[in-house]
Amino acid sequence: MSDAVLHLKGLKKSYNKGLVNEVNVLRGVDLTLTSGEIVALVAPSGAGKSTLLHIAGLLDVPDAGTVEIGGQLLSGKSDRRRTVSRRQDVGFIYQFHHLLPEFNALENIVLPQLANAVPRAKAEDRANELLQRVGIKERAAHRPAALSGGEQQRVAFCRALANSPRVLLADEPTGNLDPATSDQVFATLMQLVRETGLSALIATHNMELAARMDRILKLENGVLVPG
């Protein structure tokens, strides 16, 4: 498909291969994520959703199958080639923000841009723009310990989008927040994704949040089925 941003075909992944306790996590996952689409990934704990996200985001490699981002085949490529694509094309958000505690909010968003060879002044402008979009620009000089849980996760959203990726992969991005804060932060994430026009695959246990996305996919017995 010409508007496909992320295309996964026949992904398989097993652990403890060849042993009696071999676990087949992915048994042939197919997925096409199109431009501007937000898809919910629903699965119980241990079903393999994190494994799927890691393979889709080029952090792990499948035993079989292919990963394409922006029409480029990346599975089977060198570590260096996959690292370059991961920096440029993929944004990650996790349940825990994983911000660097010794740096303030602005710096946490600037650093991944510097790693991608963006000049500092341009990186700071981008960081300030993103913080403005999520409503916490006035907190730019605060370190993570001085931010609330919702503010920390908003900074993590900005960091994930700092390099203007093609696709956003999120693993329970509001799972560590109380229900009220979770709803507010998720609304911010949805708005940010819509405004930037990228595609997103968001793993969640929260079916109310999943229902707000464009479609729902369930990971069952190692394959994706409509939710």
C-alpha atoms as a PDB file:
ATOM      1  CA  MET A   1       0.000   0.000   0.000  1.00  0.00           C
ATOM      2  CA  SER A   2       1.373   3.391  -1.000  1.00  0.00           C
ATOM      3  CA  ASP A   3       0.322   5.065   2.248  1.00  0.00           C
ATOM      4  CA  ALA A   4       1.653   2.270   4.469  1.00  0.00           C
ATOM      5  CA  VAL A   5       4.009   3.580   7.135  1.00  0.00           C
ATOM      6  CA  LEU A   6       4.634   0.336   9.017  1.00  0.00           C
ATOM      7  CA  HIS A   7       4.232  -3.058   7.358  1.00  0.00           C
ATOM      8  CA  LEU A   8       4.813  -6.293   9.263  1.00  0.00           C
ATOM      9  CA  LYS A   9       4.572  -9.601   7.436  1.00  0.00           C
ATOM     10  CA  GLY A  10       4.683 -13.102   8.904  1.00  0.00           C
ATOM     11  CA  LEU A  11       6.509 -12.185  12.098  1.00  0.00           C
ATOM     12  CA  LYS A  12       7.477 -15.138  14.253  1.00  0.00           C
ATOM     13  CA  LYS A  13       9.356 -15.113  17.534  1.00  0.00           C
ATOM     14  CA  SER A  14      10.119 -17.890  20.010  1.00  0.00           C
ATOM     15  CA  TYR A  15      12.068 -18.041  23.241  1.00  0.00           C
ATOM     16  CA  ASN A  16      13.990 -21.006  24.641  1.00  0.00           C
ATOM     17  CA  LYS A  17      14.162 -22.363  21.101  1.00  0.00           C
ATOM     18  CA  GLY A  18      14.792 -26.075  20.886  1.00  0.00           C
ATOM     19  CA  LEU A  19      14.113 -26.662  24.563  1.00  0.00           C
ATOM     20  CA  VAL A  20      11.224 -28.505  26.151  1.00  0.00           C
ATOM     21  CA  ASN A  21       9.836 -25.204  27.482  1.00  0.00           C
ATOM     22  CA  GLU A  22      10.040 -23.359  24.122  1.00  0.00           C
ATOM     23  CA  VAL A  23       7.540 -20.511  24.008  1.00  0.00           C
ATOM     24  CA  ASN A  24       6.124 -19.405  20.657  1.00  0.00           C
ATOM     25  CA  VAL A  25       5.187 -15.786  21.303  1.00  0.00           C
ATOM     26  CA  LEU A  26       4.495 -14.606  17.758  1.00  0.00           C
ATOM     27  CA  ARG A  27       3.209 -17.156  15.262  1.00  0.00           C
ATOM     28  CA  GLY A  28       2.822 -15.119  12.086  1.00  0.00           C
ATOM     29  CA  VAL A  29       1.867 -11.515  12.779  1.00  0.00           C
ATOM     30  CA  ASP A  30       0.701  -9.377   9.850  1.00  0.00           C
ATOM     31  CA  LEU A  31       0.024  -5.652  10.243  1.00  0.00           C
ATOM     32  CA  THR A  32      -0.182  -2.604   8.018  1.00  0.00           C
ATOM     33  CA  LEU A  33      -0.305   0.774   9.711  1.00  0.00           C
ATOM     34  CA  THR A  34      -1.247   3.613   7.367  1.00  0.00           C
ATOM     35  CA  SER A  35      -0.430   7.297   7.481  1.00  0.00           C
ATOM     36  CA  GLY A  36      -2.244   9.150  10.257  1.00  0.00           C
ATOM     37  CA  GLU A  37      -3.782   6.009  11.737  1.00  0.00           C
ATOM     38  CA  ILE A  38      -3.971   5.323  15.480  1.00  0.00           C
ATOM     39  CA  VAL A  39      -4.373   1.633  16.314  1.00  0.00           C
ATOM     40  CA  ALA A  40      -4.948   0.045  19.719  1.00  0.00           C
ATOM     41  CA  LEU A  41      -3.085  -3.173  20.508  1.00  0.00           C
ATOM     42  CA  VAL A  42      -4.878  -5.183  23.174  1.00  0.00           C
ATOM     43  CA  ALA A  43      -3.500  -8.321  24.799  1.00  0.00           C
ATOM     44  CA  PRO A  44      -3.222  -9.859  28.260  1.00  0.00           C
ATOM     45  CA  SER A  45       0.096  -9.707  30.086  1.00  0.00           C
ATOM     46  CA  GLY A  46       2.577 -12.197  28.690  1.00  0.00           C
ATOM     47  CA  ALA A  47       0.836 -12.501  25.326  1.00  0.00           C
ATOM     48  CA  GLY A  48       3.716 -10.885  23.453  1.00  0.00           C
ATOM     49  CA  LYS A  49       2.647  -7.309  22.813  1.00  0.00           C
ATOM     50  CA  SER A  50       5.935  -5.869  24.103  1.00  0.00           C
ATOM     51  CA  THR A  51       7.841  -8.321  21.923  1.00  0.00           C
ATOM     52  CA  LEU A  52       5.795  -7.218  18.932  1.00  0.00           C
ATOM     53  CA  LEU A  53       6.439  -3.549  19.654  1.00  0.00           C
ATOM     54  CA  HIS A  54      10.163  -4.145  20.075  1.00  0.00           C
ATOM     55  CA  ILE A  55      10.380  -5.949  16.742  1.00  0.00           C
ATOM     56  CA  ALA A  56       8.258  -3.325  14.986  1.00  0.00           C
ATOM     57  CA  GLY A  57      10.523  -0.634  16.444  1.00  0.00           C
ATOM     58  CA  LEU A  58      13.737  -2.412  15.392  1.00  0.00           C
ATOM     59  CA  LEU A  59      14.864  -3.040  18.972  1.00  0.00           C
ATOM     60  CA  ASP A  60      14.610  -6.798  18.460  1.00  0.00           C
ATOM     61  CA  VAL A  61      14.748  -9.099  15.454  1.00  0.00           C
ATOM     62  CA  PRO A  62      12.170 -11.730  14.486  1.00  0.00           C
ATOM     63  CA  ASP A  63      12.950 -15.384  13.884  1.00  0.00           C
ATOM     64  CA  ALA A  64      11.037 -15.050  10.611  1.00  0.00           C
ATOM     65  CA  GLY A  65       9.078 -12.395   8.762  1.00  0.00           C
ATOM     66  CA  THR A  66       9.774  -8.842   7.610  1.00  0.00           C
ATOM     67  CA  VAL A  67       9.549  -5.283   8.917  1.00  0.00           C
ATOM     68  CA  GLU A  68       9.137  -2.334   6.556  1.00  0.00           C
ATOM     69  CA  ILE A  69       9.009   1.314   7.587  1.00  0.00           C
ATOM     70  CA  GLY A  70       8.216   3.941   4.993  1.00  0.00           C
ATOM     71  CA  GLY A  71       8.566   1.344   2.253  1.00  0.00           C
ATOM     72  CA  GLN A  72      12.086   0.386   3.322  1.00  0.00           C
ATOM     73  CA  LEU A  73      12.789  -3.236   4.218  1.00  0.00           C
ATOM     74  CA  LEU A  74      14.691  -3.120   7.506  1.00  0.00           C
ATOM     75  CA  SER A  75      14.515  -6.649   8.901  1.00  0.00           C
ATOM     76  CA  GLY A  76      17.762  -8.432   8.199  1.00  0.00           C
ATOM     77  CA  LYS A  77      19.715  -5.198   7.852  1.00  0.00           C
ATOM     78  CA  SER A  78      22.810  -4.384   9.895  1.00  0.00           C
ATOM     79  CA  ASP A  79      22.580  -3.107  13.460  1.00  0.00           C
ATOM     80  CA  ARG A  80      23.860   0.268  12.272  1.00  0.00           C
ATOM     81  CA  ARG A  81      21.224   0.577   9.553  1.00  0.00           C
ATOM     82  CA  ARG A  82      18.441  -0.371  11.956  1.00  0.00           C
ATOM     83  CA  THR A  83      19.760   2.063  14.587  1.00  0.00           C
ATOM     84  CA  VAL A  84      19.723   4.936  12.096  1.00  0.00           C
ATOM     85  CA  SER A  85      16.154   4.141  11.072  1.00  0.00           C
ATOM     86  CA  ARG A  86      15.075   3.750  14.693  1.00  0.00           C
ATOM     87  CA  ARG A  87      16.434   7.206  15.542  1.00  0.00           C
ATOM     88  CA  GLN A  88      14.843   8.859  12.532  1.00  0.00           C
ATOM     89  CA  ASP A  89      11.624   6.938  11.952  1.00  0.00           C
ATOM     90  CA  VAL A  90      10.421   5.519  15.285  1.00  0.00           C
ATOM     91  CA  GLY A  91       9.279   7.111  18.523  1.00  0.00           C
ATOM     92  CA  PHE A  92       8.832   5.028  21.695  1.00  0.00           C
ATOM     93  CA  ILE A  93       6.718   5.672  24.785  1.00  0.00           C
ATOM     94  CA  TYR A  94       6.729   3.305  27.743  1.00  0.00           C
ATOM     95  CA  GLN A  95       4.561   2.886  30.838  1.00  0.00           C
ATOM     96  CA  PHE A  96       7.331   4.483  32.915  1.00  0.00           C
ATOM     97  CA  HIS A  97       8.717   7.728  31.524  1.00  0.00           C
ATOM     98  CA  HIS A  98      12.438   6.765  31.767  1.00  0.00           C
ATOM     99  CA  LEU A  99      13.499  10.416  31.710  1.00  0.00           C
ATOM    100  CA  LEU A 100      17.116  11.123  32.588  1.00  0.00           C
ATOM    101  CA  PRO A 101      16.947  12.483  36.157  1.00  0.00           C
ATOM    102  CA  GLU A 102      20.002  14.721  35.914  1.00  0.00           C
ATOM    103  CA  PHE A 103      18.572  16.698  32.985  1.00  0.00           C
ATOM    104  CA  ASN A 104      15.591  19.038  32.932  1.00  0.00           C
ATOM    105  CA  ALA A 105      12.494  18.597  30.764  1.00  0.00           C
ATOM    106  CA  LEU A 106      13.868  20.641  27.875  1.00  0.00           C
ATOM    107  CA  GLU A 107      17.197  18.808  27.902  1.00  0.00           C
ATOM    108  CA  ASN A 108      15.496  15.405  27.908  1.00  0.00           C
ATOM    109  CA  ILE A 109      13.817  16.374  24.636  1.00  0.00           C
ATOM    110  CA  VAL A 110      16.932  17.974  23.169  1.00  0.00           C
ATOM    111  CA  LEU A 111      19.258  14.999  23.768  1.00  0.00           C
ATOM    112  CA  PRO A 112      17.729  12.529  21.255  1.00  0.00           C
ATOM    113  CA  GLN A 113      17.872  15.269  18.640  1.00  0.00           C
ATOM    114  CA  LEU A 114      21.559  15.883  19.295  1.00  0.00           C
ATOM    115  CA  ALA A 115      22.130  12.142  18.858  1.00  0.00           C
ATOM    116  CA  ASN A 116      20.465  12.541  15.469  1.00  0.00           C
ATOM    117  CA  ALA A 117      22.904  15.358  14.529  1.00  0.00           C
ATOM    118  CA  VAL A 118      20.363  18.187  14.937  1.00  0.00           C
ATOM    119  CA  PRO A 119      22.025  21.531  15.844  1.00  0.00           C
ATOM    120  CA  ARG A 120      21.417  22.481  19.470  1.00  0.00           C
ATOM    121  CA  ALA A 121      19.560  25.726  18.733  1.00  0.00           C
ATOM    122  CA  LYS A 122      17.171  23.934  16.390  1.00  0.00           C
ATOM    123  CA  ALA A 123      16.747  21.108  18.901  1.00  0.00           C
ATOM    124  CA  GLU A 124      15.859  23.557  21.675  1.00  0.00           C
ATOM    125  CA  ASP A 125      13.316  25.283  19.428  1.00  0.00           C
ATOM    126  CA  ARG A 126      11.716  21.931  18.665  1.00  0.00           C
ATOM    127  CA  ALA A 127      11.665  20.987  22.360  1.00  0.00           C
ATOM    128  CA  ASN A 128      10.018  24.269  23.327  1.00  0.00           C
ATOM    129  CA  GLU A 129       7.451  23.852  20.552  1.00  0.00           C
ATOM    130  CA  LEU A 130       6.500  20.385  21.775  1.00  0.00           C
ATOM    131  CA  LEU A 131       6.318  21.435  25.421  1.00  0.00           C
ATOM    132  CA  GLN A 132       4.032  24.278  24.360  1.00  0.00           C
ATOM    133  CA  ARG A 133       1.783  21.822  22.525  1.00  0.00           C
ATOM    134  CA  VAL A 134       1.341  19.633  25.598  1.00  0.00           C
ATOM    135  CA  GLY A 135       0.779  22.620  27.858  1.00  0.00           C
ATOM    136  CA  ILE A 136       3.833  22.514  30.108  1.00  0.00           C
ATOM    137  CA  LYS A 137       6.321  24.894  28.492  1.00  0.00           C
ATOM    138  CA  GLU A 138       6.629  26.724  31.817  1.00  0.00           C
ATOM    139  CA  ARG A 139       8.049  23.501  33.310  1.00  0.00           C
ATOM    140  CA  ALA A 140      10.904  23.283  30.796  1.00  0.00           C
ATOM    141  CA  ALA A 141      13.640  24.019  33.360  1.00  0.00           C
ATOM    142  CA  HIS A 142      12.380  21.491  35.913  1.00  0.00           C
ATOM    143  CA  ARG A 143      14.023  18.121  36.390  1.00  0.00           C
ATOM    144  CA  PRO A 144      11.811  15.006  36.380  1.00  0.00           C
ATOM    145  CA  ALA A 145      11.741  14.751  40.190  1.00  0.00           C
ATOM    146  CA  ALA A 146      10.072  18.184  40.330  1.00  0.00           C
ATOM    147  CA  LEU A 147       7.337  17.189  37.866  1.00  0.00           C
ATOM    148  CA  SER A 148       4.082  15.367  38.528  1.00  0.00           C
ATOM    149  CA  GLY A 149       3.497  11.926  37.005  1.00  0.00           C
ATOM    150  CA  GLY A 150       1.321  13.401  34.287  1.00  0.00           C
ATOM    151  CA  GLU A 151       3.906  16.076  33.495  1.00  0.00           C
ATOM    152  CA  GLN A 152       6.691  13.497  33.337  1.00  0.00           C
ATOM    153  CA  GLN A 153       4.731  11.428  30.841  1.00  0.00           C
ATOM    154  CA  ARG A 154       3.988  14.506  28.735  1.00  0.00           C
ATOM    155  CA  VAL A 155       7.724  15.168  28.556  1.00  0.00           C
ATOM    156  CA  ALA A 156       8.204  11.531  27.518  1.00  0.00           C
ATOM    157  CA  PHE A 157       5.667  12.078  24.717  1.00  0.00           C
ATOM    158  CA  CYS A 158       7.617  15.120  23.540  1.00  0.00           C
ATOM    159  CA  ARG A 159      10.885  13.189  23.644  1.00  0.00           C
ATOM    160  CA  ALA A 160       9.365  10.403  21.528  1.00  0.00           C
ATOM    161  CA  LEU A 161       8.263  12.923  18.897  1.00  0.00           C
ATOM    162  CA  ALA A 162      11.379  15.091  19.015  1.00  0.00           C
ATOM    163  CA  ASN A 163      12.902  13.703  15.808  1.00  0.00           C
ATOM    164  CA  SER A 164       9.578  13.798  13.894  1.00  0.00           C
ATOM    165  CA  PRO A 165       9.281  10.014  13.498  1.00  0.00           C
ATOM    166  CA  ARG A 166       7.052   8.274  10.962  1.00  0.00           C
ATOM    167  CA  VAL A 167       5.565   5.918  13.524  1.00  0.00           C
ATOM    168  CA  LEU A 168       4.934   6.054  17.272  1.00  0.00           C
ATOM    169  CA  LEU A 169       4.976   2.855  19.333  1.00  0.00           C
ATOM    170  CA  ALA A 170       3.576   3.064  22.860  1.00  0.00           C
ATOM    171  CA  ASP A 171       3.472   0.339  25.512  1.00  0.00           C
ATOM    172  CA  GLU A 172       0.819   1.126  28.150  1.00  0.00           C
ATOM    173  CA  PRO A 173       1.678   4.857  27.984  1.00  0.00           C
ATOM    174  CA  THR A 174      -0.753   5.832  30.764  1.00  0.00           C
ATOM    175  CA  GLY A 175      -0.663   2.590  32.760  1.00  0.00           C
ATOM    176  CA  ASN A 176       1.317   4.120  35.620  1.00  0.00           C
ATOM    177  CA  LEU A 177      -1.117   6.994  36.206  1.00  0.00           C
ATOM    178  CA  ASP A 178      -4.307   7.317  38.224  1.00  0.00           C
ATOM    179  CA  PRO A 179      -7.545   7.158  36.159  1.00  0.00           C
ATOM    180  CA  ALA A 180      -8.199  10.912  36.033  1.00  0.00           C
ATOM    181  CA  THR A 181      -4.627  11.781  35.085  1.00  0.00           C
ATOM    182  CA  SER A 182      -4.535   8.869  32.641  1.00  0.00           C
ATOM    183  CA  ASP A 183      -7.554  10.231  30.788  1.00  0.00           C
ATOM    184  CA  GLN A 184      -6.086  13.731  30.587  1.00  0.00           C
ATOM    185  CA  VAL A 185      -2.663  12.547  29.475  1.00  0.00           C
ATOM    186  CA  PHE A 186      -4.132  10.176  26.890  1.00  0.00           C
ATOM    187  CA  ALA A 187      -6.200  13.031  25.445  1.00  0.00           C
ATOM    188  CA  THR A 188      -2.982  15.037  25.147  1.00  0.00           C
ATOM    189  CA  LEU A 189      -1.290  12.138  23.373  1.00  0.00           C
ATOM    190  CA  MET A 190      -4.161  11.718  20.915  1.00  0.00           C
ATOM    191  CA  GLN A 191      -4.153  15.431  20.136  1.00  0.00           C
ATOM    192  CA  LEU A 192      -0.391  15.447  19.652  1.00  0.00           C
ATOM    193  CA  VAL A 193      -0.512  12.452  17.305  1.00  0.00           C
ATOM    194  CA  ARG A 194      -3.375  13.972  15.300  1.00  0.00           C
ATOM    195  CA  GLU A 195      -1.605  17.322  14.988  1.00  0.00           C
ATOM    196  CA  THR A 196       1.665  15.798  13.815  1.00  0.00           C
ATOM    197  CA  GLY A 197      -0.011  13.327  11.429  1.00  0.00           C
ATOM    198  CA  LEU A 198       2.183  10.361  12.288  1.00  0.00           C
ATOM    199  CA  SER A 199       0.903   6.810  12.733  1.00  0.00           C
ATOM    200  CA  ALA A 200       0.662   5.161  16.137  1.00  0.00           C
ATOM    201  CA  LEU A 201       0.391   1.636  17.549  1.00  0.00           C
ATOM    202  CA  ILE A 202      -0.599   1.881  21.203  1.00  0.00           C
ATOM    203  CA  ALA A 203      -0.707  -1.127  23.523  1.00  0.00           C
ATOM    204  CA  THR A 204      -3.223  -0.781  26.332  1.00  0.00           C
ATOM    205  CA  HIS A 205      -5.311  -2.803  28.765  1.00  0.00           C
ATOM    206  CA  ASN A 206      -7.832   0.023  28.975  1.00  0.00           C
ATOM    207  CA  MET A 207     -10.695  -0.745  26.597  1.00  0.00           C
ATOM    208  CA  GLU A 208     -12.193   2.727  27.087  1.00  0.00           C
ATOM    209  CA  LEU A 209      -8.985   4.259  25.767  1.00  0.00           C
ATOM    210  CA  ALA A 210      -8.777   1.663  23.000  1.00  0.00           C
ATOM    211  CA  ALA A 211     -12.280   2.573  21.838  1.00  0.00           C
ATOM    212  CA  ARG A 212     -11.099   6.144  21.183  1.00  0.00           C
ATOM    213  CA  MET A 213      -8.610   4.986  18.567  1.00  0.00           C
ATOM    214  CA  ASP A 214      -9.253   4.282  14.877  1.00  0.00           C
ATOM    215  CA  ARG A 215      -9.324   0.504  15.272  1.00  0.00           C
ATOM    216  CA  ILE A 216      -8.530  -2.223  17.764  1.00  0.00           C
ATOM    217  CA  LEU A 217      -6.351  -5.279  17.205  1.00  0.00           C
ATOM    218  CA  LYS A 218      -6.035  -8.153  19.649  1.00  0.00           C
ATOM    219  CA  LEU A 219      -2.982 -10.366  19.958  1.00  0.00           C
ATOM    220  CA  GLU A 220      -4.334 -13.874  20.463  1.00  0.00           C
ATOM    221  CA  ASN A 221      -2.326 -17.094  20.236  1.00  0.00           C
ATOM    222  CA  GLY A 222       0.509 -15.252  18.540  1.00  0.00           C
ATOM    223  CA  VAL A 223      -1.483 -13.590  15.748  1.00  0.00           C
ATOM    224  CA  LEU A 224      -3.400 -10.332  15.365  1.00  0.00           C
ATOM    225  CA  VAL A 225      -7.174 -10.400  15.034  1.00  0.00           C
ATOM    226  CA  PRO A 226      -9.706  -7.530  14.842  1.00  0.00           C
ATOM    227  CA  GLY A 227     -10.840  -6.329  18.260  1.00  0.00           C
END
